[in-house]
Amino acid sequence: MQERLFTDIFPLVEAASQALSSHLDKPFALFGHSMGATIAFEVARKLRKEQGIQPVHLFVSGCCCPQEVGDHYREDLKEEKEIKDTLRRYAGTPPEVLEHPELMGVFEPIIRADFAVCRSYFYSPEPPLDCPVSVFGGLEDPDVSRECLQGWGDHTTRSFRVRMVPGGHFFLNNAESLVVESVARDLHQARV
């Protein structure tokens, strides 16, 4: 709660890459959901560019491919009602939190910063990663379709797979075991 809030994705990617760098002496994978997917992707590219290392596998979920994701975050949510309506659409925030003024007072600056991070993203083409990419999407996600997930395949020279699971944008809340089992299987295959 006391940490500086990022409002731009690239300083966040830099900070994440630096925080991870001392832990990457063994094979590693990255997993990111929603805006975390874009962050994981950019961290993987930054590590490749600056340290010559890549994950053994990149897992992304609930996020359109990098070349399309920016189109989903162009709205600037200025009013509290707009923020609440967006969070209701994503169905990941308990209604009790949305209707609690003190809690919203604590979380609203964080949520605004997260949306600013998303709006700051712009895709720059680079060669594809040399690791498999697995993508997860929610069958009922109103904003992230299977079609926009397919574009992640352009970012790997290795195997690529899209899995659609029951649920909306925050399908991880209800399909956690299915996702974890799939990740474990993919990581096991990466060892072979």
N, C-alpha and C. Protein backbone atom coordinates (compact mmCIF):
# COMPACT_ATOMS: atom_id res chain seq x y z
N MET A 1 0.83 -1.21 0.00
CA MET A 1 0.00 0.00 0.00
C MET A 1 0.87 1.27 0.00
N GLN A 2 2.08 1.16 0.51
CA GLN A 2 2.95 2.33 0.61
C GLN A 2 3.86 2.49 -0.60
N GLU A 3 3.85 1.51 -1.50
CA GLU A 3 4.74 1.59 -2.65
C GLU A 3 4.23 2.59 -3.67
N ARG A 4 5.17 3.15 -4.41
CA ARG A 4 4.83 4.08 -5.49
C ARG A 4 3.99 3.34 -6.53
N LEU A 5 2.94 3.99 -7.00
CA LEU A 5 2.08 3.39 -8.03
C LEU A 5 2.65 3.70 -9.41
N PHE A 6 2.76 2.69 -10.23
CA PHE A 6 3.19 2.88 -11.61
C PHE A 6 1.98 3.31 -12.44
N THR A 7 2.21 4.23 -13.35
CA THR A 7 1.16 4.64 -14.29
C THR A 7 1.61 4.47 -15.73
N ASP A 8 2.82 3.94 -15.92
CA ASP A 8 3.37 3.68 -17.25
C ASP A 8 3.93 2.26 -17.25
N ILE A 9 3.63 1.51 -18.27
CA ILE A 9 4.01 0.09 -18.29
C ILE A 9 5.51 -0.13 -18.40
N PHE A 10 6.23 0.71 -19.09
CA PHE A 10 7.64 0.41 -19.34
C PHE A 10 8.53 0.59 -18.10
N PRO A 11 8.32 1.59 -17.26
CA PRO A 11 9.05 1.60 -15.98
C PRO A 11 8.66 0.41 -15.08
N LEU A 12 7.42 -0.03 -15.17
CA LEU A 12 6.99 -1.21 -14.42
C LEU A 12 7.71 -2.46 -14.92
N VAL A 13 7.83 -2.60 -16.23
CA VAL A 13 8.56 -3.73 -16.82
C VAL A 13 10.03 -3.68 -16.39
N GLU A 14 10.61 -2.50 -16.38
CA GLU A 14 12.00 -2.33 -15.95
C GLU A 14 12.16 -2.77 -14.49
N ALA A 15 11.26 -2.31 -13.63
CA ALA A 15 11.34 -2.66 -12.20
C ALA A 15 11.15 -4.16 -11.99
N ALA A 16 10.21 -4.76 -12.72
CA ALA A 16 9.97 -6.20 -12.59
C ALA A 16 11.18 -6.99 -13.08
N SER A 17 11.76 -6.57 -14.18
CA SER A 17 12.94 -7.25 -14.73
C SER A 17 14.10 -7.18 -13.75
N GLN A 18 14.32 -6.02 -13.15
CA GLN A 18 15.39 -5.88 -12.17
C GLN A 18 15.13 -6.74 -10.93
N ALA A 19 13.87 -6.76 -10.47
CA ALA A 19 13.53 -7.56 -9.28
C ALA A 19 13.74 -9.05 -9.53
N LEU A 20 13.50 -9.50 -10.75
CA LEU A 20 13.64 -10.91 -11.09
C LEU A 20 15.07 -11.33 -11.41
N SER A 21 15.89 -10.40 -11.84
CA SER A 21 17.18 -10.75 -12.45
C SER A 21 18.08 -11.61 -11.56
N SER A 22 18.05 -11.43 -10.26
CA SER A 22 18.92 -12.24 -9.40
C SER A 22 18.37 -13.65 -9.16
N HIS A 23 17.18 -13.93 -9.66
CA HIS A 23 16.54 -15.24 -9.45
C HIS A 23 16.49 -16.08 -10.73
N LEU A 24 17.17 -15.65 -11.76
CA LEU A 24 17.01 -16.29 -13.07
C LEU A 24 18.22 -17.13 -13.46
N ASP A 25 18.91 -17.69 -12.47
CA ASP A 25 20.06 -18.54 -12.77
C ASP A 25 19.63 -19.98 -13.06
N LYS A 26 18.35 -20.27 -12.94
CA LYS A 26 17.77 -21.59 -13.27
C LYS A 26 16.67 -21.37 -14.30
N PRO A 27 16.23 -22.44 -14.96
CA PRO A 27 15.12 -22.28 -15.90
C PRO A 27 13.90 -21.68 -15.19
N PHE A 28 13.20 -20.81 -15.89
CA PHE A 28 12.05 -20.13 -15.31
C PHE A 28 10.96 -19.98 -16.36
N ALA A 29 9.73 -19.82 -15.88
CA ALA A 29 8.58 -19.53 -16.73
C ALA A 29 7.93 -18.27 -16.20
N LEU A 30 7.18 -17.60 -17.06
CA LEU A 30 6.42 -16.42 -16.65
C LEU A 30 4.95 -16.66 -16.90
N PHE A 31 4.12 -16.17 -15.97
CA PHE A 31 2.67 -16.25 -16.10
C PHE A 31 2.11 -14.88 -15.79
N GLY A 32 1.23 -14.40 -16.65
CA GLY A 32 0.56 -13.13 -16.39
C GLY A 32 -0.88 -13.19 -16.81
N HIS A 33 -1.74 -12.58 -15.98
CA HIS A 33 -3.17 -12.53 -16.29
C HIS A 33 -3.58 -11.08 -16.52
N SER A 34 -4.42 -10.87 -17.52
CA SER A 34 -4.95 -9.56 -17.87
C SER A 34 -3.78 -8.62 -18.16
N MET A 35 -3.68 -7.47 -17.48
CA MET A 35 -2.55 -6.58 -17.77
C MET A 35 -1.23 -7.25 -17.43
N GLY A 36 -1.25 -8.22 -16.52
CA GLY A 36 -0.06 -8.98 -16.17
C GLY A 36 0.48 -9.79 -17.34
N ALA A 37 -0.39 -10.16 -18.28
CA ALA A 37 0.05 -10.90 -19.47
C ALA A 37 0.95 -10.02 -20.33
N THR A 38 0.54 -8.79 -20.53
CA THR A 38 1.34 -7.86 -21.32
C THR A 38 2.66 -7.58 -20.60
N ILE A 39 2.59 -7.43 -19.28
CA ILE A 39 3.81 -7.18 -18.51
C ILE A 39 4.75 -8.38 -18.61
N ALA A 40 4.23 -9.60 -18.45
CA ALA A 40 5.07 -10.80 -18.56
C ALA A 40 5.73 -10.88 -19.94
N PHE A 41 4.97 -10.60 -20.97
CA PHE A 41 5.50 -10.61 -22.34
C PHE A 41 6.63 -9.61 -22.50
N GLU A 42 6.42 -8.39 -22.03
CA GLU A 42 7.45 -7.37 -22.17
C GLU A 42 8.66 -7.66 -21.28
N VAL A 43 8.44 -8.26 -20.11
CA VAL A 43 9.58 -8.68 -19.26
C VAL A 43 10.39 -9.74 -20.00
N ALA A 44 9.72 -10.71 -20.63
CA ALA A 44 10.43 -11.74 -21.38
C ALA A 44 11.27 -11.11 -22.49
N ARG A 45 10.71 -10.15 -23.20
CA ARG A 45 11.46 -9.50 -24.28
C ARG A 45 12.63 -8.68 -23.73
N LYS A 46 12.42 -8.02 -22.61
CA LYS A 46 13.49 -7.21 -22.00
C LYS A 46 14.63 -8.11 -21.51
N LEU A 47 14.30 -9.23 -20.87
CA LEU A 47 15.33 -10.16 -20.40
C LEU A 47 16.12 -10.73 -21.58
N ARG A 48 15.43 -11.03 -22.66
CA ARG A 48 16.11 -11.54 -23.86
C ARG A 48 17.07 -10.48 -24.40
N LYS A 49 16.59 -9.26 -24.50
CA LYS A 49 17.38 -8.18 -25.08
C LYS A 49 18.59 -7.80 -24.20
N GLU A 50 18.37 -7.70 -22.90
CA GLU A 50 19.41 -7.17 -22.02
C GLU A 50 20.28 -8.23 -21.35
N GLN A 51 19.73 -9.45 -21.16
CA GLN A 51 20.51 -10.47 -20.47
C GLN A 51 20.72 -11.74 -21.30
N GLY A 52 20.10 -11.79 -22.47
CA GLY A 52 20.27 -12.95 -23.32
C GLY A 52 19.61 -14.22 -22.80
N ILE A 53 18.60 -14.06 -21.94
CA ILE A 53 17.88 -15.23 -21.40
C ILE A 53 16.40 -15.09 -21.71
N GLN A 54 15.74 -16.25 -21.79
CA GLN A 54 14.30 -16.28 -22.05
C GLN A 54 13.66 -17.30 -21.13
N PRO A 55 12.37 -17.15 -20.88
CA PRO A 55 11.69 -18.18 -20.09
C PRO A 55 11.63 -19.48 -20.87
N VAL A 56 11.48 -20.60 -20.15
CA VAL A 56 11.27 -21.88 -20.83
C VAL A 56 9.85 -21.96 -21.36
N HIS A 57 8.96 -21.11 -20.83
CA HIS A 57 7.57 -21.08 -21.28
C HIS A 57 6.96 -19.75 -20.86
N LEU A 58 6.14 -19.19 -21.70
CA LEU A 58 5.37 -17.99 -21.37
C LEU A 58 3.90 -18.37 -21.33
N PHE A 59 3.27 -18.08 -20.20
CA PHE A 59 1.84 -18.33 -20.01
C PHE A 59 1.15 -16.98 -19.88
N VAL A 60 0.13 -16.78 -20.70
CA VAL A 60 -0.64 -15.54 -20.62
C VAL A 60 -2.12 -15.90 -20.59
N SER A 61 -2.89 -15.07 -19.90
CA SER A 61 -4.32 -15.35 -19.81
C SER A 61 -5.13 -14.07 -19.72
N GLY A 62 -6.33 -14.14 -20.24
CA GLY A 62 -7.27 -13.04 -20.13
C GLY A 62 -6.80 -11.75 -20.75
N CYS A 63 -6.05 -11.84 -21.85
CA CYS A 63 -5.49 -10.63 -22.47
C CYS A 63 -5.30 -10.86 -23.97
N CYS A 64 -5.78 -9.92 -24.75
CA CYS A 64 -5.56 -9.99 -26.20
C CYS A 64 -4.07 -9.89 -26.50
N CYS A 65 -3.70 -10.34 -27.67
CA CYS A 65 -2.29 -10.33 -28.09
C CYS A 65 -1.75 -8.89 -28.09
N PRO A 66 -0.44 -8.75 -27.94
CA PRO A 66 0.16 -7.42 -27.81
C PRO A 66 -0.20 -6.44 -28.93
N GLN A 67 -0.28 -6.93 -30.15
CA GLN A 67 -0.58 -6.03 -31.26
C GLN A 67 -2.02 -5.54 -31.25
N GLU A 68 -2.89 -6.15 -30.42
CA GLU A 68 -4.29 -5.73 -30.34
C GLU A 68 -4.69 -5.19 -28.97
N VAL A 69 -3.93 -5.49 -27.93
CA VAL A 69 -4.38 -5.18 -26.58
C VAL A 69 -4.58 -3.70 -26.35
N GLY A 70 -3.78 -2.86 -26.96
CA GLY A 70 -3.92 -1.43 -26.75
C GLY A 70 -5.29 -0.89 -27.12
N ASP A 71 -5.93 -1.51 -28.10
CA ASP A 71 -7.27 -1.07 -28.52
C ASP A 71 -8.31 -1.26 -27.41
N HIS A 72 -8.05 -2.13 -26.46
CA HIS A 72 -9.02 -2.42 -25.41
C HIS A 72 -8.92 -1.47 -24.22
N TYR A 73 -7.85 -0.68 -24.17
CA TYR A 73 -7.62 0.15 -22.98
C TYR A 73 -7.58 1.64 -23.28
N ARG A 74 -8.23 2.06 -24.31
CA ARG A 74 -8.15 3.48 -24.67
C ARG A 74 -9.05 4.37 -23.81
N GLU A 75 -10.07 3.80 -23.17
CA GLU A 75 -10.97 4.65 -22.40
C GLU A 75 -10.29 5.13 -21.12
N ASP A 76 -10.41 6.43 -20.85
CA ASP A 76 -9.88 7.02 -19.63
C ASP A 76 -11.03 7.10 -18.64
N LEU A 77 -10.95 6.32 -17.59
CA LEU A 77 -12.04 6.27 -16.61
C LEU A 77 -11.87 7.41 -15.61
N LYS A 78 -12.62 8.48 -15.81
CA LYS A 78 -12.46 9.66 -14.98
C LYS A 78 -13.37 9.64 -13.76
N GLU A 79 -14.56 9.16 -13.92
CA GLU A 79 -15.54 9.19 -12.84
C GLU A 79 -15.54 7.88 -12.05
N GLU A 80 -15.85 7.97 -10.78
CA GLU A 80 -15.93 6.78 -9.93
C GLU A 80 -16.95 5.79 -10.49
N LYS A 81 -18.07 6.29 -11.02
CA LYS A 81 -19.09 5.41 -11.59
C LYS A 81 -18.54 4.62 -12.78
N GLU A 82 -17.71 5.24 -13.61
CA GLU A 82 -17.11 4.54 -14.75
C GLU A 82 -16.19 3.42 -14.27
N ILE A 83 -15.44 3.69 -13.23
CA ILE A 83 -14.55 2.68 -12.67
C ILE A 83 -15.38 1.51 -12.14
N LYS A 84 -16.40 1.81 -11.36
CA LYS A 84 -17.25 0.75 -10.80
C LYS A 84 -17.94 -0.05 -11.89
N ASP A 85 -18.45 0.63 -12.92
CA ASP A 85 -19.12 -0.08 -14.02
C ASP A 85 -18.15 -1.01 -14.74
N THR A 86 -16.92 -0.56 -14.96
CA THR A 86 -15.91 -1.40 -15.61
C THR A 86 -15.57 -2.60 -14.74
N LEU A 87 -15.38 -2.37 -13.45
CA LEU A 87 -15.06 -3.48 -12.54
C LEU A 87 -16.22 -4.47 -12.46
N ARG A 88 -17.45 -3.98 -12.49
CA ARG A 88 -18.61 -4.90 -12.51
C ARG A 88 -18.60 -5.75 -13.78
N ARG A 89 -18.27 -5.12 -14.91
CA ARG A 89 -18.24 -5.86 -16.19
C ARG A 89 -17.19 -6.98 -16.14
N TYR A 90 -16.04 -6.70 -15.52
CA TYR A 90 -14.99 -7.72 -15.40
C TYR A 90 -15.35 -8.78 -14.37
N ALA A 91 -16.24 -8.46 -13.45
CA ALA A 91 -16.75 -9.41 -12.44
C ALA A 91 -15.64 -10.05 -11.60
N GLY A 92 -14.64 -9.25 -11.25
CA GLY A 92 -13.58 -9.78 -10.40
C GLY A 92 -13.52 -9.12 -9.04
N THR A 93 -14.33 -8.09 -8.84
CA THR A 93 -14.34 -7.37 -7.57
C THR A 93 -15.65 -7.65 -6.87
N PRO A 94 -15.59 -8.10 -5.62
CA PRO A 94 -16.84 -8.37 -4.89
C PRO A 94 -17.71 -7.11 -4.81
N PRO A 95 -19.03 -7.26 -5.00
CA PRO A 95 -19.93 -6.09 -4.94
C PRO A 95 -19.82 -5.34 -3.62
N GLU A 96 -19.51 -6.07 -2.54
CA GLU A 96 -19.39 -5.42 -1.23
C GLU A 96 -18.25 -4.38 -1.23
N VAL A 97 -17.19 -4.67 -1.98
CA VAL A 97 -16.07 -3.72 -2.07
C VAL A 97 -16.50 -2.49 -2.86
N LEU A 98 -17.20 -2.74 -3.98
CA LEU A 98 -17.61 -1.63 -4.85
C LEU A 98 -18.56 -0.67 -4.14
N GLU A 99 -19.34 -1.18 -3.19
CA GLU A 99 -20.33 -0.35 -2.50
C GLU A 99 -19.83 0.16 -1.15
N HIS A 100 -18.59 -0.09 -0.82
CA HIS A 100 -18.03 0.34 0.47
C HIS A 100 -17.14 1.56 0.23
N PRO A 101 -17.60 2.77 0.62
CA PRO A 101 -16.86 3.99 0.30
C PRO A 101 -15.42 4.01 0.81
N GLU A 102 -15.19 3.51 2.03
CA GLU A 102 -13.83 3.53 2.57
C GLU A 102 -12.91 2.60 1.79
N LEU A 103 -13.39 1.40 1.46
CA LEU A 103 -12.57 0.47 0.68
C LEU A 103 -12.29 1.02 -0.71
N MET A 104 -13.31 1.59 -1.33
CA MET A 104 -13.10 2.18 -2.65
C MET A 104 -12.12 3.36 -2.57
N GLY A 105 -12.15 4.07 -1.46
CA GLY A 105 -11.20 5.16 -1.27
C GLY A 105 -9.76 4.66 -1.24
N VAL A 106 -9.56 3.47 -0.70
CA VAL A 106 -8.23 2.86 -0.65
C VAL A 106 -7.84 2.31 -2.02
N PHE A 107 -8.78 1.60 -2.67
CA PHE A 107 -8.45 0.90 -3.90
C PHE A 107 -8.55 1.75 -5.17
N GLU A 108 -9.34 2.81 -5.14
CA GLU A 108 -9.53 3.59 -6.37
C GLU A 108 -8.22 4.14 -6.94
N PRO A 109 -7.30 4.71 -6.14
CA PRO A 109 -6.04 5.16 -6.75
C PRO A 109 -5.23 4.02 -7.39
N ILE A 110 -5.28 2.85 -6.79
CA ILE A 110 -4.57 1.69 -7.34
C ILE A 110 -5.21 1.27 -8.66
N ILE A 111 -6.52 1.23 -8.68
CA ILE A 111 -7.24 0.85 -9.90
C ILE A 111 -6.99 1.86 -11.02
N ARG A 112 -7.03 3.14 -10.67
CA ARG A 112 -6.75 4.18 -11.68
C ARG A 112 -5.33 4.02 -12.24
N ALA A 113 -4.37 3.74 -11.36
CA ALA A 113 -2.99 3.55 -11.81
C ALA A 113 -2.89 2.33 -12.73
N ASP A 114 -3.58 1.25 -12.38
CA ASP A 114 -3.55 0.04 -13.22
C ASP A 114 -4.11 0.34 -14.61
N PHE A 115 -5.22 1.07 -14.67
CA PHE A 115 -5.78 1.41 -15.97
C PHE A 115 -4.85 2.35 -16.75
N ALA A 116 -4.15 3.24 -16.04
CA ALA A 116 -3.18 4.11 -16.72
C ALA A 116 -2.04 3.28 -17.30
N VAL A 117 -1.58 2.27 -16.55
CA VAL A 117 -0.54 1.37 -17.06
C VAL A 117 -1.02 0.72 -18.35
N CYS A 118 -2.24 0.23 -18.34
CA CYS A 118 -2.79 -0.42 -19.55
C CYS A 118 -2.85 0.56 -20.72
N ARG A 119 -3.32 1.78 -20.46
CA ARG A 119 -3.44 2.77 -21.54
C ARG A 119 -2.08 3.20 -22.08
N SER A 120 -1.03 3.08 -21.28
CA SER A 120 0.30 3.54 -21.71
C SER A 120 0.98 2.57 -22.68
N TYR A 121 0.43 1.36 -22.81
CA TYR A 121 1.12 0.35 -23.61
C TYR A 121 1.01 0.63 -25.10
N PHE A 122 2.14 0.50 -25.76
CA PHE A 122 2.15 0.50 -27.22
C PHE A 122 3.07 -0.64 -27.66
N TYR A 123 2.66 -1.34 -28.67
CA TYR A 123 3.39 -2.51 -29.15
C TYR A 123 4.44 -2.09 -30.16
N SER A 124 5.66 -2.57 -29.95
CA SER A 124 6.74 -2.40 -30.92
C SER A 124 7.15 -3.78 -31.42
N PRO A 125 7.13 -4.01 -32.72
CA PRO A 125 7.51 -5.31 -33.24
C PRO A 125 8.96 -5.67 -32.93
N GLU A 126 9.16 -6.92 -32.56
CA GLU A 126 10.48 -7.52 -32.35
C GLU A 126 10.37 -8.96 -32.84
N PRO A 127 11.51 -9.64 -33.02
CA PRO A 127 11.43 -11.06 -33.39
C PRO A 127 10.67 -11.85 -32.32
N PRO A 128 10.03 -12.94 -32.72
CA PRO A 128 9.29 -13.76 -31.75
C PRO A 128 10.21 -14.36 -30.69
N LEU A 129 9.64 -14.67 -29.56
CA LEU A 129 10.37 -15.35 -28.50
C LEU A 129 10.66 -16.78 -28.92
N ASP A 130 11.74 -17.35 -28.40
CA ASP A 130 12.10 -18.73 -28.70
C ASP A 130 11.71 -19.62 -27.52
N CYS A 131 10.44 -19.53 -27.14
CA CYS A 131 9.89 -20.39 -26.08
C CYS A 131 8.43 -20.64 -26.40
N PRO A 132 7.89 -21.77 -25.92
CA PRO A 132 6.47 -22.02 -26.15
C PRO A 132 5.61 -20.96 -25.47
N VAL A 133 4.44 -20.71 -26.03
CA VAL A 133 3.48 -19.78 -25.44
C VAL A 133 2.15 -20.51 -25.29
N SER A 134 1.63 -20.48 -24.07
CA SER A 134 0.31 -21.04 -23.78
C SER A 134 -0.60 -19.90 -23.35
N VAL A 135 -1.80 -19.89 -23.90
CA VAL A 135 -2.75 -18.81 -23.66
C VAL A 135 -4.04 -19.39 -23.09
N PHE A 136 -4.58 -18.70 -22.10
CA PHE A 136 -5.86 -19.08 -21.50
C PHE A 136 -6.85 -17.95 -21.67
N GLY A 137 -8.09 -18.31 -21.94
CA GLY A 137 -9.14 -17.31 -22.06
C GLY A 137 -10.42 -17.83 -21.42
N GLY A 138 -11.24 -16.90 -20.98
CA GLY A 138 -12.54 -17.26 -20.40
C GLY A 138 -13.61 -17.31 -21.48
N LEU A 139 -14.36 -18.38 -21.51
CA LEU A 139 -15.40 -18.55 -22.52
C LEU A 139 -16.45 -17.44 -22.48
N GLU A 140 -16.67 -16.87 -21.29
CA GLU A 140 -17.68 -15.81 -21.14
C GLU A 140 -17.05 -14.43 -20.95
N ASP A 141 -15.77 -14.28 -21.25
CA ASP A 141 -15.11 -12.98 -21.10
C ASP A 141 -15.69 -12.02 -22.14
N PRO A 142 -16.28 -10.90 -21.71
CA PRO A 142 -16.92 -9.99 -22.68
C PRO A 142 -15.94 -9.20 -23.53
N ASP A 143 -14.66 -9.14 -23.12
CA ASP A 143 -13.72 -8.28 -23.82
C ASP A 143 -12.58 -9.01 -24.52
N VAL A 144 -12.35 -10.27 -24.16
CA VAL A 144 -11.19 -10.99 -24.70
C VAL A 144 -11.69 -12.24 -25.43
N SER A 145 -11.73 -12.17 -26.73
CA SER A 145 -12.25 -13.27 -27.55
C SER A 145 -11.14 -14.26 -27.90
N ARG A 146 -11.54 -15.45 -28.31
CA ARG A 146 -10.57 -16.44 -28.79
C ARG A 146 -9.77 -15.87 -29.97
N GLU A 147 -10.44 -15.09 -30.82
CA GLU A 147 -9.77 -14.53 -31.99
C GLU A 147 -8.61 -13.61 -31.58
N CYS A 148 -8.84 -12.76 -30.58
CA CYS A 148 -7.75 -11.85 -30.20
C CYS A 148 -6.66 -12.59 -29.41
N LEU A 149 -6.99 -13.74 -28.83
CA LEU A 149 -5.97 -14.56 -28.16
C LEU A 149 -5.07 -15.25 -29.18
N GLN A 150 -5.62 -15.62 -30.33
CA GLN A 150 -4.87 -16.33 -31.36
C GLN A 150 -3.63 -15.57 -31.81
N GLY A 151 -3.68 -14.24 -31.76
CA GLY A 151 -2.56 -13.43 -32.20
C GLY A 151 -1.28 -13.62 -31.39
N TRP A 152 -1.41 -14.20 -30.17
CA TRP A 152 -0.21 -14.50 -29.38
C TRP A 152 0.70 -15.48 -30.12
N GLY A 153 0.15 -16.27 -31.03
CA GLY A 153 0.95 -17.23 -31.79
C GLY A 153 2.02 -16.57 -32.63
N ASP A 154 1.85 -15.30 -32.96
CA ASP A 154 2.85 -14.57 -33.74
C ASP A 154 4.12 -14.30 -32.94
N HIS A 155 4.07 -14.53 -31.64
CA HIS A 155 5.17 -14.12 -30.76
C HIS A 155 6.02 -15.28 -30.26
N THR A 156 5.95 -16.40 -30.97
CA THR A 156 6.79 -17.54 -30.61
C THR A 156 7.26 -18.28 -31.85
N THR A 157 8.46 -18.85 -31.74
CA THR A 157 8.97 -19.73 -32.79
C THR A 157 8.72 -21.18 -32.39
N ARG A 158 8.17 -21.39 -31.23
CA ARG A 158 7.93 -22.73 -30.69
C ARG A 158 6.45 -23.04 -30.69
N SER A 159 6.06 -24.02 -29.86
CA SER A 159 4.66 -24.43 -29.83
C SER A 159 3.78 -23.32 -29.24
N PHE A 160 2.54 -23.36 -29.67
CA PHE A 160 1.56 -22.35 -29.26
C PHE A 160 0.23 -23.05 -29.04
N ARG A 161 -0.45 -22.66 -27.96
CA ARG A 161 -1.72 -23.30 -27.65
C ARG A 161 -2.66 -22.31 -26.96
N VAL A 162 -3.92 -22.31 -27.39
CA VAL A 162 -4.97 -21.52 -26.73
C VAL A 162 -5.92 -22.49 -26.05
N ARG A 163 -6.21 -22.24 -24.78
CA ARG A 163 -7.19 -23.02 -24.04
C ARG A 163 -8.29 -22.08 -23.56
N MET A 164 -9.51 -22.41 -23.88
CA MET A 164 -10.66 -21.64 -23.39
C MET A 164 -11.27 -22.41 -22.23
N VAL A 165 -11.48 -21.70 -21.11
CA VAL A 165 -12.01 -22.34 -19.91
C VAL A 165 -13.29 -21.64 -19.49
N PRO A 166 -14.14 -22.33 -18.72
CA PRO A 166 -15.39 -21.71 -18.28
C PRO A 166 -15.12 -20.47 -17.43
N GLY A 167 -15.91 -19.44 -17.66
CA GLY A 167 -15.84 -18.25 -16.83
C GLY A 167 -15.64 -16.99 -17.64
N GLY A 168 -15.70 -15.86 -16.94
CA GLY A 168 -15.53 -14.55 -17.54
C GLY A 168 -14.07 -14.11 -17.47
N HIS A 169 -13.86 -12.82 -17.32
CA HIS A 169 -12.50 -12.28 -17.33
C HIS A 169 -11.65 -12.83 -16.19
N PHE A 170 -12.25 -13.01 -15.05
CA PHE A 170 -11.50 -13.55 -13.90
C PHE A 170 -11.81 -15.04 -13.72
N PHE A 171 -11.73 -15.79 -14.81
CA PHE A 171 -11.99 -17.23 -14.77
C PHE A 171 -11.03 -17.95 -13.83
N LEU A 172 -9.89 -17.33 -13.53
CA LEU A 172 -8.93 -17.96 -12.61
C LEU A 172 -9.55 -18.22 -11.24
N ASN A 173 -10.50 -17.40 -10.85
CA ASN A 173 -11.14 -17.58 -9.54
C ASN A 173 -11.89 -18.90 -9.45
N ASN A 174 -12.44 -19.37 -10.56
CA ASN A 174 -13.24 -20.60 -10.54
C ASN A 174 -12.58 -21.78 -11.24
N ALA A 175 -11.61 -21.52 -12.09
CA ALA A 175 -10.97 -22.59 -12.86
C ALA A 175 -9.50 -22.75 -12.49
N GLU A 176 -9.17 -22.39 -11.27
CA GLU A 176 -7.78 -22.40 -10.84
C GLU A 176 -7.12 -23.77 -11.03
N SER A 177 -7.78 -24.83 -10.58
CA SER A 177 -7.16 -26.16 -10.67
C SER A 177 -6.95 -26.56 -12.13
N LEU A 178 -7.88 -26.24 -13.01
CA LEU A 178 -7.73 -26.57 -14.43
C LEU A 178 -6.53 -25.84 -15.03
N VAL A 179 -6.37 -24.56 -14.69
CA VAL A 179 -5.26 -23.77 -15.21
C VAL A 179 -3.94 -24.29 -14.64
N VAL A 180 -3.90 -24.54 -13.33
CA VAL A 180 -2.66 -25.03 -12.70
C VAL A 180 -2.25 -26.37 -13.29
N GLU A 181 -3.20 -27.28 -13.51
CA GLU A 181 -2.88 -28.58 -14.11
C GLU A 181 -2.34 -28.40 -15.52
N SER A 182 -2.92 -27.50 -16.29
CA SER A 182 -2.45 -27.25 -17.65
C SER A 182 -1.04 -26.66 -17.65
N VAL A 183 -0.79 -25.72 -16.75
CA VAL A 183 0.54 -25.13 -16.64
C VAL A 183 1.56 -26.21 -16.27
N ALA A 184 1.21 -27.05 -15.30
CA ALA A 184 2.13 -28.12 -14.87
C ALA A 184 2.44 -29.07 -16.03
N ARG A 185 1.43 -29.44 -16.82
CA ARG A 185 1.66 -30.32 -17.98
C ARG A 185 2.59 -29.67 -18.99
N ASP A 186 2.33 -28.38 -19.28
CA ASP A 186 3.17 -27.68 -20.26
C ASP A 186 4.60 -27.54 -19.77
N LEU A 187 4.78 -27.29 -18.48
CA LEU A 187 6.13 -27.18 -17.93
C LEU A 187 6.84 -28.54 -17.95
N HIS A 188 6.10 -29.59 -17.68
CA HIS A 188 6.69 -30.93 -17.74
C HIS A 188 7.18 -31.23 -19.15
N GLN A 189 6.39 -30.87 -20.15
CA GLN A 189 6.80 -31.09 -21.53
C GLN A 189 8.00 -30.24 -21.90
N ALA A 190 8.12 -29.04 -21.30
CA ALA A 190 9.26 -28.18 -21.58
C ALA A 190 10.56 -28.79 -21.07
N ARG A 191 10.48 -29.63 -20.05
CA ARG A 191 11.67 -30.28 -19.49
C ARG A 191 12.21 -31.35 -20.42
N VAL A 192 11.34 -31.91 -21.23
CA VAL A 192 11.73 -33.05 -22.08
C VAL A 192 12.60 -32.60 -23.23
